[in-house]
Amino acid sequence: MRNQLFLISILVCMAYTPASLAQLTEEIRTAAQIYAYAQVNADLDMLLDMTYPELVEKAGGPQEMKDMLSALRESETQRGRFLREITVKDPIEAVQVASEIHAIVPIVTTLTVPEGLLTIESSLIAVGTERRGNWYFIETNALDQRNVQKVLPTWDNSLALPPKRPGVFKDTNRMLE
């Protein structure tokens, strides 16, 4: 009887694991798309809510972080660089780390620049907390395996940050000739 119960519980867990993983991936994708929307539309309040809280504190608090994001956007605008689109890509990899879920979310960012379009492949780290009730994001542009724990102390290296890739430039002015 005990063996049968054990076998049944293993089979039930195996049956629900792919569905749970698919649900988790979809939760992360949806949250990342909301984060991307906030980036593209300069919704600083939403960005602040979805930025990993320890990053906000390291920036000096919510208002300082908001000011920093606003100044960065203004600087890019003055240089003629406009965030056009952020696309969430596959595969999203996730692991359980203590009471959090960490995930690598590949993204493609498209910027309009004075000479054309710049496309950059990078990733976000998604951190799910409070039984996945909250998803926070960390941009990995300035991170690698050596310094990620300075930003995310619970990072356990069970996921590998993708290598940095150079941006791809497309001269749209030439296309018009």
N, C-alpha and C. Protein backbone atom coordinates (compact mmCIF):
# COMPACT_ATOMS: atom_id res chain seq x y z
N MET A 1 0.82 -1.19 0.00
CA MET A 1 0.00 0.00 0.00
C MET A 1 0.87 1.26 0.00
N ARG A 2 1.89 1.26 0.86
CA ARG A 2 2.79 2.39 0.94
C ARG A 2 3.50 2.62 -0.39
N ASN A 3 3.96 1.55 -0.98
CA ASN A 3 4.65 1.65 -2.27
C ASN A 3 3.72 2.19 -3.34
N GLN A 4 2.48 1.76 -3.32
CA GLN A 4 1.52 2.26 -4.31
C GLN A 4 1.28 3.76 -4.13
N LEU A 5 1.12 4.21 -2.89
CA LEU A 5 0.93 5.64 -2.63
C LEU A 5 2.16 6.44 -3.08
N PHE A 6 3.33 5.90 -2.79
CA PHE A 6 4.56 6.57 -3.20
C PHE A 6 4.63 6.68 -4.72
N LEU A 7 4.32 5.57 -5.40
CA LEU A 7 4.34 5.55 -6.86
C LEU A 7 3.31 6.51 -7.45
N ILE A 8 2.13 6.54 -6.89
CA ILE A 8 1.08 7.44 -7.37
C ILE A 8 1.50 8.90 -7.17
N SER A 9 2.06 9.22 -6.00
CA SER A 9 2.47 10.60 -5.77
C SER A 9 3.60 11.01 -6.72
N ILE A 10 4.51 10.13 -7.05
CA ILE A 10 5.57 10.44 -8.02
C ILE A 10 4.95 10.69 -9.39
N LEU A 11 4.03 9.84 -9.80
CA LEU A 11 3.38 10.01 -11.10
C LEU A 11 2.59 11.31 -11.17
N VAL A 12 1.90 11.67 -10.10
CA VAL A 12 1.15 12.92 -10.07
C VAL A 12 2.11 14.09 -10.20
N CYS A 13 3.21 14.06 -9.47
CA CYS A 13 4.20 15.15 -9.54
C CYS A 13 4.78 15.25 -10.95
N MET A 14 5.08 14.12 -11.55
CA MET A 14 5.64 14.12 -12.91
C MET A 14 4.62 14.67 -13.90
N ALA A 15 3.36 14.36 -13.69
CA ALA A 15 2.32 14.83 -14.61
C ALA A 15 2.14 16.34 -14.53
N TYR A 16 2.31 16.92 -13.35
CA TYR A 16 2.09 18.34 -13.19
C TYR A 16 3.34 19.19 -13.40
N THR A 17 4.50 18.61 -13.40
CA THR A 17 5.72 19.37 -13.55
C THR A 17 5.80 20.14 -14.86
N PRO A 18 5.56 19.51 -16.03
CA PRO A 18 5.62 20.29 -17.27
C PRO A 18 4.58 21.41 -17.29
N ALA A 19 3.39 21.16 -16.78
CA ALA A 19 2.36 22.19 -16.75
C ALA A 19 2.78 23.33 -15.82
N SER A 20 3.35 22.99 -14.68
CA SER A 20 3.81 24.01 -13.74
C SER A 20 4.94 24.83 -14.34
N LEU A 21 5.85 24.16 -15.03
CA LEU A 21 6.96 24.86 -15.66
C LEU A 21 6.45 25.79 -16.76
N ALA A 22 5.48 25.34 -17.52
CA ALA A 22 4.89 26.18 -18.57
C ALA A 22 4.18 27.38 -17.95
N GLN A 23 3.49 27.16 -16.85
CA GLN A 23 2.79 28.26 -16.17
C GLN A 23 3.81 29.25 -15.62
N LEU A 24 4.88 28.76 -15.02
CA LEU A 24 5.92 29.63 -14.48
C LEU A 24 6.55 30.46 -15.60
N THR A 25 6.87 29.81 -16.71
CA THR A 25 7.46 30.52 -17.85
C THR A 25 6.52 31.60 -18.36
N GLU A 26 5.24 31.30 -18.42
CA GLU A 26 4.27 32.29 -18.89
C GLU A 26 4.14 33.46 -17.91
N GLU A 27 4.20 33.18 -16.61
CA GLU A 27 4.17 34.25 -15.60
C GLU A 27 5.37 35.18 -15.79
N ILE A 28 6.54 34.59 -15.97
CA ILE A 28 7.76 35.38 -16.14
C ILE A 28 7.67 36.19 -17.43
N ARG A 29 7.23 35.56 -18.51
CA ARG A 29 7.10 36.26 -19.80
C ARG A 29 6.15 37.46 -19.68
N THR A 30 5.01 37.25 -19.04
CA THR A 30 4.04 38.33 -18.89
C THR A 30 4.61 39.48 -18.08
N ALA A 31 5.27 39.16 -16.97
CA ALA A 31 5.88 40.20 -16.15
C ALA A 31 6.98 40.93 -16.93
N ALA A 32 7.78 40.19 -17.69
CA ALA A 32 8.85 40.80 -18.48
C ALA A 32 8.27 41.70 -19.57
N GLN A 33 7.15 41.30 -20.16
CA GLN A 33 6.51 42.14 -21.17
C GLN A 33 5.97 43.43 -20.55
N ILE A 34 5.47 43.36 -19.34
CA ILE A 34 5.01 44.57 -18.65
C ILE A 34 6.21 45.47 -18.37
N TYR A 35 7.32 44.88 -17.93
CA TYR A 35 8.54 45.65 -17.69
C TYR A 35 9.02 46.31 -18.99
N ALA A 36 9.00 45.56 -20.08
CA ALA A 36 9.42 46.10 -21.38
C ALA A 36 8.50 47.24 -21.81
N TYR A 37 7.21 47.08 -21.61
CA TYR A 37 6.25 48.14 -21.94
C TYR A 37 6.57 49.41 -21.14
N ALA A 38 6.87 49.24 -19.85
CA ALA A 38 7.20 50.38 -19.00
C ALA A 38 8.48 51.05 -19.50
N GLN A 39 9.45 50.27 -19.94
CA GLN A 39 10.69 50.84 -20.48
C GLN A 39 10.41 51.66 -21.73
N VAL A 40 9.72 51.06 -22.68
CA VAL A 40 9.47 51.72 -23.96
C VAL A 40 8.63 52.97 -23.79
N ASN A 41 7.69 52.95 -22.88
CA ASN A 41 6.77 54.07 -22.68
C ASN A 41 7.19 55.02 -21.56
N ALA A 42 8.40 54.83 -21.05
CA ALA A 42 8.95 55.70 -20.01
C ALA A 42 8.01 55.83 -18.81
N ASP A 43 7.39 54.73 -18.42
CA ASP A 43 6.54 54.71 -17.23
C ASP A 43 7.44 54.47 -16.02
N LEU A 44 7.99 55.56 -15.49
CA LEU A 44 9.00 55.46 -14.44
C LEU A 44 8.44 54.87 -13.15
N ASP A 45 7.18 55.13 -12.85
CA ASP A 45 6.59 54.55 -11.64
C ASP A 45 6.50 53.03 -11.75
N MET A 46 6.07 52.54 -12.91
CA MET A 46 5.99 51.10 -13.10
C MET A 46 7.39 50.48 -13.09
N LEU A 47 8.35 51.14 -13.75
CA LEU A 47 9.72 50.64 -13.75
C LEU A 47 10.26 50.54 -12.34
N LEU A 48 9.98 51.55 -11.55
CA LEU A 48 10.44 51.56 -10.17
C LEU A 48 9.83 50.40 -9.38
N ASP A 49 8.54 50.14 -9.59
CA ASP A 49 7.86 49.04 -8.91
C ASP A 49 8.42 47.68 -9.32
N MET A 50 8.95 47.58 -10.54
CA MET A 50 9.40 46.28 -11.05
C MET A 50 10.92 46.11 -11.02
N THR A 51 11.62 47.11 -10.52
CA THR A 51 13.07 47.00 -10.38
C THR A 51 13.38 46.34 -9.05
N TYR A 52 14.35 45.44 -9.08
CA TYR A 52 14.75 44.71 -7.88
C TYR A 52 14.98 45.70 -6.73
N PRO A 53 14.27 45.56 -5.60
CA PRO A 53 14.30 46.54 -4.52
C PRO A 53 15.69 46.90 -4.00
N GLU A 54 16.60 45.94 -3.94
CA GLU A 54 17.94 46.26 -3.46
C GLU A 54 18.67 47.21 -4.41
N LEU A 55 18.36 47.12 -5.70
CA LEU A 55 18.94 48.07 -6.66
C LEU A 55 18.42 49.48 -6.40
N VAL A 56 17.15 49.58 -6.10
CA VAL A 56 16.55 50.88 -5.80
C VAL A 56 17.21 51.47 -4.56
N GLU A 57 17.42 50.65 -3.55
CA GLU A 57 18.06 51.13 -2.32
C GLU A 57 19.51 51.53 -2.59
N LYS A 58 20.23 50.76 -3.40
CA LYS A 58 21.63 51.11 -3.72
C LYS A 58 21.71 52.41 -4.51
N ALA A 59 20.65 52.75 -5.23
CA ALA A 59 20.62 54.01 -5.99
C ALA A 59 20.29 55.20 -5.08
N GLY A 60 19.96 54.93 -3.82
CA GLY A 60 19.66 56.01 -2.89
C GLY A 60 18.20 56.13 -2.54
N GLY A 61 17.39 55.20 -3.01
CA GLY A 61 15.96 55.22 -2.70
C GLY A 61 15.13 55.47 -3.94
N PRO A 62 13.81 55.39 -3.79
CA PRO A 62 12.91 55.50 -4.95
C PRO A 62 13.04 56.80 -5.74
N GLN A 63 13.07 57.94 -5.06
CA GLN A 63 13.13 59.20 -5.80
C GLN A 63 14.45 59.35 -6.55
N GLU A 64 15.54 58.96 -5.91
CA GLU A 64 16.84 59.05 -6.58
C GLU A 64 16.90 58.13 -7.79
N MET A 65 16.34 56.93 -7.66
CA MET A 65 16.31 55.99 -8.78
C MET A 65 15.46 56.56 -9.91
N LYS A 66 14.34 57.12 -9.57
CA LYS A 66 13.46 57.72 -10.57
C LYS A 66 14.17 58.87 -11.29
N ASP A 67 14.86 59.70 -10.52
CA ASP A 67 15.62 60.81 -11.11
C ASP A 67 16.72 60.30 -12.03
N MET A 68 17.38 59.22 -11.61
CA MET A 68 18.45 58.63 -12.42
C MET A 68 17.89 58.08 -13.74
N LEU A 69 16.77 57.38 -13.67
CA LEU A 69 16.14 56.83 -14.88
C LEU A 69 15.70 57.96 -15.82
N SER A 70 15.15 59.00 -15.25
CA SER A 70 14.71 60.15 -16.05
C SER A 70 15.89 60.84 -16.72
N ALA A 71 16.97 61.03 -15.98
CA ALA A 71 18.17 61.67 -16.53
C ALA A 71 18.79 60.81 -17.63
N LEU A 72 18.80 59.51 -17.44
CA LEU A 72 19.34 58.60 -18.45
C LEU A 72 18.52 58.68 -19.74
N ARG A 73 17.21 58.67 -19.60
CA ARG A 73 16.34 58.77 -20.76
C ARG A 73 16.54 60.11 -21.47
N GLU A 74 16.65 61.19 -20.72
CA GLU A 74 16.87 62.51 -21.30
C GLU A 74 18.20 62.57 -22.05
N SER A 75 19.23 61.98 -21.47
CA SER A 75 20.55 61.94 -22.11
C SER A 75 20.49 61.18 -23.44
N GLU A 76 19.81 60.06 -23.44
CA GLU A 76 19.68 59.27 -24.67
C GLU A 76 18.89 60.05 -25.73
N THR A 77 17.84 60.74 -25.31
CA THR A 77 17.03 61.53 -26.23
C THR A 77 17.86 62.65 -26.85
N GLN A 78 18.67 63.31 -26.04
CA GLN A 78 19.52 64.39 -26.55
C GLN A 78 20.54 63.86 -27.57
N ARG A 79 20.93 62.62 -27.43
CA ARG A 79 21.86 61.99 -28.38
C ARG A 79 21.14 61.45 -29.62
N GLY A 80 19.83 61.59 -29.65
CA GLY A 80 19.06 61.11 -30.79
C GLY A 80 18.78 59.62 -30.75
N ARG A 81 18.84 59.04 -29.57
CA ARG A 81 18.59 57.61 -29.39
C ARG A 81 17.26 57.43 -28.68
N PHE A 82 16.36 56.69 -29.33
CA PHE A 82 15.02 56.48 -28.79
C PHE A 82 14.74 54.99 -28.70
N LEU A 83 14.30 54.55 -27.53
CA LEU A 83 13.93 53.16 -27.34
C LEU A 83 12.66 52.89 -28.14
N ARG A 84 12.77 51.97 -29.07
CA ARG A 84 11.65 51.69 -29.96
C ARG A 84 10.84 50.47 -29.52
N GLU A 85 11.58 49.41 -29.12
CA GLU A 85 10.89 48.15 -28.81
C GLU A 85 11.80 47.25 -27.98
N ILE A 86 11.18 46.49 -27.09
CA ILE A 86 11.86 45.41 -26.38
C ILE A 86 11.01 44.17 -26.56
N THR A 87 11.62 43.13 -27.09
CA THR A 87 10.91 41.88 -27.34
C THR A 87 11.46 40.80 -26.41
N VAL A 88 10.57 40.11 -25.72
CA VAL A 88 10.95 38.99 -24.86
C VAL A 88 11.07 37.76 -25.73
N LYS A 89 12.21 37.06 -25.62
CA LYS A 89 12.50 35.90 -26.46
C LYS A 89 12.47 34.61 -25.63
N ASP A 90 12.67 33.50 -26.31
CA ASP A 90 12.79 32.17 -25.69
C ASP A 90 14.24 31.73 -25.79
N PRO A 91 14.68 30.80 -25.00
CA PRO A 91 13.99 30.16 -23.88
C PRO A 91 14.20 30.96 -22.60
N ILE A 92 13.23 30.90 -21.72
CA ILE A 92 13.35 31.47 -20.39
C ILE A 92 13.75 30.34 -19.47
N GLU A 93 14.89 30.50 -18.80
CA GLU A 93 15.38 29.47 -17.87
C GLU A 93 15.13 29.95 -16.46
N ALA A 94 14.65 29.06 -15.59
CA ALA A 94 14.35 29.44 -14.22
C ALA A 94 14.80 28.36 -13.24
N VAL A 95 15.19 28.81 -12.05
CA VAL A 95 15.56 27.89 -10.97
C VAL A 95 15.02 28.44 -9.65
N GLN A 96 14.80 27.53 -8.71
CA GLN A 96 14.40 27.90 -7.36
C GLN A 96 15.67 28.13 -6.55
N VAL A 97 15.77 29.27 -5.88
CA VAL A 97 16.91 29.58 -5.02
C VAL A 97 16.33 30.05 -3.68
N ALA A 98 16.44 29.20 -2.69
CA ALA A 98 15.86 29.47 -1.37
C ALA A 98 14.37 29.81 -1.56
N SER A 99 13.93 31.00 -1.13
CA SER A 99 12.51 31.35 -1.24
C SER A 99 12.22 32.16 -2.50
N GLU A 100 13.19 32.26 -3.40
CA GLU A 100 13.02 33.05 -4.63
C GLU A 100 13.11 32.15 -5.85
N ILE A 101 12.60 32.67 -6.95
CA ILE A 101 12.82 32.05 -8.25
C ILE A 101 13.66 33.03 -9.04
N HIS A 102 14.74 32.55 -9.63
CA HIS A 102 15.59 33.37 -10.49
C HIS A 102 15.41 32.86 -11.91
N ALA A 103 15.32 33.78 -12.85
CA ALA A 103 15.16 33.39 -14.25
C ALA A 103 15.99 34.30 -15.14
N ILE A 104 16.50 33.72 -16.21
CA ILE A 104 17.17 34.48 -17.25
C ILE A 104 16.14 34.67 -18.36
N VAL A 105 15.89 35.93 -18.71
CA VAL A 105 14.90 36.27 -19.72
C VAL A 105 15.62 36.95 -20.89
N PRO A 106 15.77 36.24 -22.02
CA PRO A 106 16.42 36.86 -23.17
C PRO A 106 15.52 37.94 -23.77
N ILE A 107 16.14 39.07 -24.13
CA ILE A 107 15.38 40.15 -24.76
C ILE A 107 16.15 40.69 -25.96
N VAL A 108 15.41 41.32 -26.85
CA VAL A 108 16.01 42.04 -27.98
C VAL A 108 15.49 43.46 -27.89
N THR A 109 16.42 44.41 -27.80
CA THR A 109 16.09 45.83 -27.69
C THR A 109 16.38 46.50 -29.02
N THR A 110 15.44 47.26 -29.52
CA THR A 110 15.63 48.01 -30.76
C THR A 110 15.58 49.49 -30.44
N LEU A 111 16.65 50.19 -30.84
CA LEU A 111 16.76 51.63 -30.65
C LEU A 111 16.77 52.32 -32.00
N THR A 112 16.08 53.45 -32.08
CA THR A 112 16.20 54.32 -33.24
C THR A 112 17.35 55.26 -32.92
N VAL A 113 18.34 55.29 -33.80
CA VAL A 113 19.50 56.17 -33.65
C VAL A 113 19.54 57.08 -34.87
N PRO A 114 20.29 58.19 -34.82
CA PRO A 114 20.28 59.13 -35.95
C PRO A 114 20.59 58.49 -37.31
N GLU A 115 21.41 57.47 -37.32
CA GLU A 115 21.82 56.85 -38.59
C GLU A 115 20.96 55.66 -39.00
N GLY A 116 20.06 55.20 -38.11
CA GLY A 116 19.26 54.02 -38.46
C GLY A 116 18.69 53.33 -37.24
N LEU A 117 18.84 52.01 -37.22
CA LEU A 117 18.34 51.19 -36.12
C LEU A 117 19.48 50.41 -35.50
N LEU A 118 19.45 50.27 -34.18
CA LEU A 118 20.42 49.47 -33.46
C LEU A 118 19.65 48.40 -32.71
N THR A 119 20.02 47.13 -32.93
CA THR A 119 19.36 46.01 -32.28
C THR A 119 20.38 45.34 -31.36
N ILE A 120 19.99 45.15 -30.11
CA ILE A 120 20.89 44.59 -29.10
C ILE A 120 20.23 43.40 -28.43
N GLU A 121 20.91 42.26 -28.46
CA GLU A 121 20.43 41.07 -27.73
C GLU A 121 21.07 41.09 -26.35
N SER A 122 20.25 40.96 -25.33
CA SER A 122 20.75 40.89 -23.96
C SER A 122 19.77 40.07 -23.13
N SER A 123 19.81 40.27 -21.83
CA SER A 123 18.88 39.52 -20.98
C SER A 123 18.55 40.30 -19.73
N LEU A 124 17.51 39.86 -19.10
CA LEU A 124 17.09 40.37 -17.80
C LEU A 124 17.19 39.22 -16.81
N ILE A 125 17.41 39.54 -15.57
CA ILE A 125 17.23 38.55 -14.51
C ILE A 125 15.89 38.87 -13.87
N ALA A 126 15.01 37.89 -13.86
CA ALA A 126 13.72 38.04 -13.18
C ALA A 126 13.86 37.38 -11.81
N VAL A 127 13.35 38.04 -10.79
CA VAL A 127 13.38 37.50 -9.43
C VAL A 127 11.95 37.45 -8.94
N GLY A 128 11.47 36.24 -8.70
CA GLY A 128 10.13 36.04 -8.18
C GLY A 128 10.19 35.87 -6.68
N THR A 129 9.40 36.67 -5.97
CA THR A 129 9.39 36.60 -4.51
C THR A 129 7.95 36.46 -4.03
N GLU A 130 7.82 36.26 -2.73
CA GLU A 130 6.52 36.20 -2.09
C GLU A 130 5.55 35.28 -2.85
N ARG A 131 5.99 34.04 -3.00
CA ARG A 131 5.19 33.03 -3.71
C ARG A 131 4.83 33.49 -5.11
N ARG A 132 5.77 34.13 -5.76
CA ARG A 132 5.65 34.63 -7.13
C ARG A 132 4.59 35.71 -7.25
N GLY A 133 4.22 36.33 -6.15
CA GLY A 133 3.27 37.43 -6.20
C GLY A 133 3.90 38.68 -6.79
N ASN A 134 5.21 38.79 -6.66
CA ASN A 134 5.94 39.93 -7.20
C ASN A 134 7.08 39.43 -8.08
N TRP A 135 7.26 40.09 -9.22
CA TRP A 135 8.40 39.83 -10.10
C TRP A 135 9.19 41.11 -10.22
N TYR A 136 10.47 41.01 -9.98
CA TYR A 136 11.37 42.15 -10.09
C TYR A 136 12.40 41.84 -11.16
N PHE A 137 12.96 42.89 -11.76
CA PHE A 137 13.91 42.70 -12.85
C PHE A 137 15.21 43.43 -12.61
N ILE A 138 16.27 42.82 -13.13
CA ILE A 138 17.61 43.38 -13.10
C ILE A 138 18.14 43.30 -14.52
N GLU A 139 18.57 44.41 -15.06
CA GLU A 139 19.17 44.40 -16.40
C GLU A 139 20.60 43.90 -16.27
N THR A 140 21.03 43.11 -17.23
CA THR A 140 22.34 42.46 -17.12
C THR A 140 23.43 43.13 -17.95
N ASN A 141 23.16 44.29 -18.52
CA ASN A 141 24.14 44.95 -19.38
C ASN A 141 25.50 45.09 -18.73
N ALA A 142 25.54 45.41 -17.45
CA ALA A 142 26.81 45.64 -16.76
C ALA A 142 27.18 44.48 -15.84
N LEU A 143 26.49 43.35 -15.98
CA LEU A 143 26.73 42.22 -15.09
C LEU A 143 27.39 41.06 -15.81
N ASP A 144 28.13 40.27 -15.04
CA ASP A 144 28.64 38.98 -15.50
C ASP A 144 28.69 38.06 -14.28
N GLN A 145 29.14 36.83 -14.46
CA GLN A 145 29.15 35.85 -13.37
C GLN A 145 29.98 36.33 -12.18
N ARG A 146 30.95 37.21 -12.40
CA ARG A 146 31.82 37.65 -11.31
C ARG A 146 31.16 38.69 -10.42
N ASN A 147 30.26 39.52 -10.95
CA ASN A 147 29.72 40.61 -10.14
C ASN A 147 28.21 40.55 -9.91
N VAL A 148 27.55 39.54 -10.42
CA VAL A 148 26.09 39.46 -10.29
C VAL A 148 25.66 39.37 -8.82
N GLN A 149 26.48 38.74 -7.96
CA GLN A 149 26.10 38.60 -6.55
C GLN A 149 26.17 39.93 -5.79
N LYS A 150 26.86 40.92 -6.35
CA LYS A 150 26.88 42.24 -5.72
C LYS A 150 25.50 42.91 -5.85
N VAL A 151 24.79 42.55 -6.91
CA VAL A 151 23.47 43.11 -7.16
C VAL A 151 22.38 42.20 -6.60
N LEU A 152 22.57 40.90 -6.77
CA LEU A 152 21.60 39.90 -6.33
C LEU A 152 22.31 38.92 -5.40
N PRO A 153 22.36 39.23 -4.11
CA PRO A 153 23.14 38.42 -3.16
C PRO A 153 22.75 36.95 -3.11
N THR A 154 21.50 36.62 -3.45
CA THR A 154 21.05 35.23 -3.38
C THR A 154 21.39 34.44 -4.65
N TRP A 155 22.01 35.07 -5.64
CA TRP A 155 22.40 34.39 -6.88
C TRP A 155 23.34 33.24 -6.54
N ASP A 156 23.04 32.04 -7.02
CA ASP A 156 23.86 30.88 -6.67
C ASP A 156 24.61 30.26 -7.86
N ASN A 157 24.64 30.95 -8.98
CA ASN A 157 25.35 30.49 -10.18
C ASN A 157 24.79 29.21 -10.79
N SER A 158 23.58 28.82 -10.42
CA SER A 158 22.98 27.65 -11.07
C SER A 158 22.48 28.00 -12.47
N LEU A 159 22.33 29.28 -12.76
CA LEU A 159 22.05 29.75 -14.11
C LEU A 159 23.29 30.52 -14.59
N ALA A 160 23.56 30.44 -15.86
CA ALA A 160 24.69 31.19 -16.42
C ALA A 160 24.16 32.39 -17.18
N LEU A 161 24.75 33.54 -16.90
CA LEU A 161 24.38 34.73 -17.68
C LEU A 161 24.90 34.56 -19.10
N PRO A 162 24.07 34.85 -20.08
CA PRO A 162 24.53 34.73 -21.47
C PRO A 162 25.68 35.71 -21.74
N PRO A 163 26.57 35.35 -22.65
CA PRO A 163 27.67 36.26 -22.99
C PRO A 163 27.14 37.53 -23.65
N LYS A 164 27.89 38.61 -23.49
CA LYS A 164 27.52 39.87 -24.12
C LYS A 164 27.67 39.75 -25.62
N ARG A 165 26.76 40.37 -26.35
CA ARG A 165 26.81 40.36 -27.82
C ARG A 165 26.83 41.79 -28.32
N PRO A 166 27.58 42.04 -29.37
CA PRO A 166 27.58 43.41 -29.91
C PRO A 166 26.24 43.71 -30.58
N GLY A 167 25.89 44.99 -30.59
CA GLY A 167 24.67 45.42 -31.26
C GLY A 167 24.81 45.28 -32.76
N VAL A 168 23.68 45.18 -33.43
CA VAL A 168 23.64 45.08 -34.88
C VAL A 168 23.02 46.37 -35.40
N PHE A 169 23.77 47.06 -36.25
CA PHE A 169 23.33 48.33 -36.79
C PHE A 169 22.74 48.13 -38.18
N LYS A 170 21.63 48.82 -38.45
CA LYS A 170 21.00 48.79 -39.76
C LYS A 170 20.83 50.23 -40.23
N ASP A 171 21.49 50.56 -41.33
CA ASP A 171 21.45 51.92 -41.86
C ASP A 171 20.15 52.10 -42.65
N THR A 172 19.16 52.70 -42.00
CA THR A 172 17.86 52.87 -42.67
C THR A 172 17.89 54.05 -43.66
N ASN A 173 18.86 54.96 -43.51
CA ASN A 173 18.97 56.08 -44.45
C ASN A 173 19.33 55.57 -45.85
N ARG A 174 20.20 54.58 -45.91
CA ARG A 174 20.60 54.02 -47.21
C ARG A 174 19.44 53.30 -47.88
N MET A 175 18.57 52.73 -47.08
CA MET A 175 17.44 51.99 -47.63
C MET A 175 16.49 52.94 -48.36
N LEU A 176 16.49 54.22 -47.99
CA LEU A 176 15.58 55.18 -48.59
C LEU A 176 16.11 55.71 -49.92
N GLU A 177 17.41 55.53 -50.18
CA GLU A 177 18.01 56.05 -51.42
C GLU A 177 17.62 55.20 -52.62
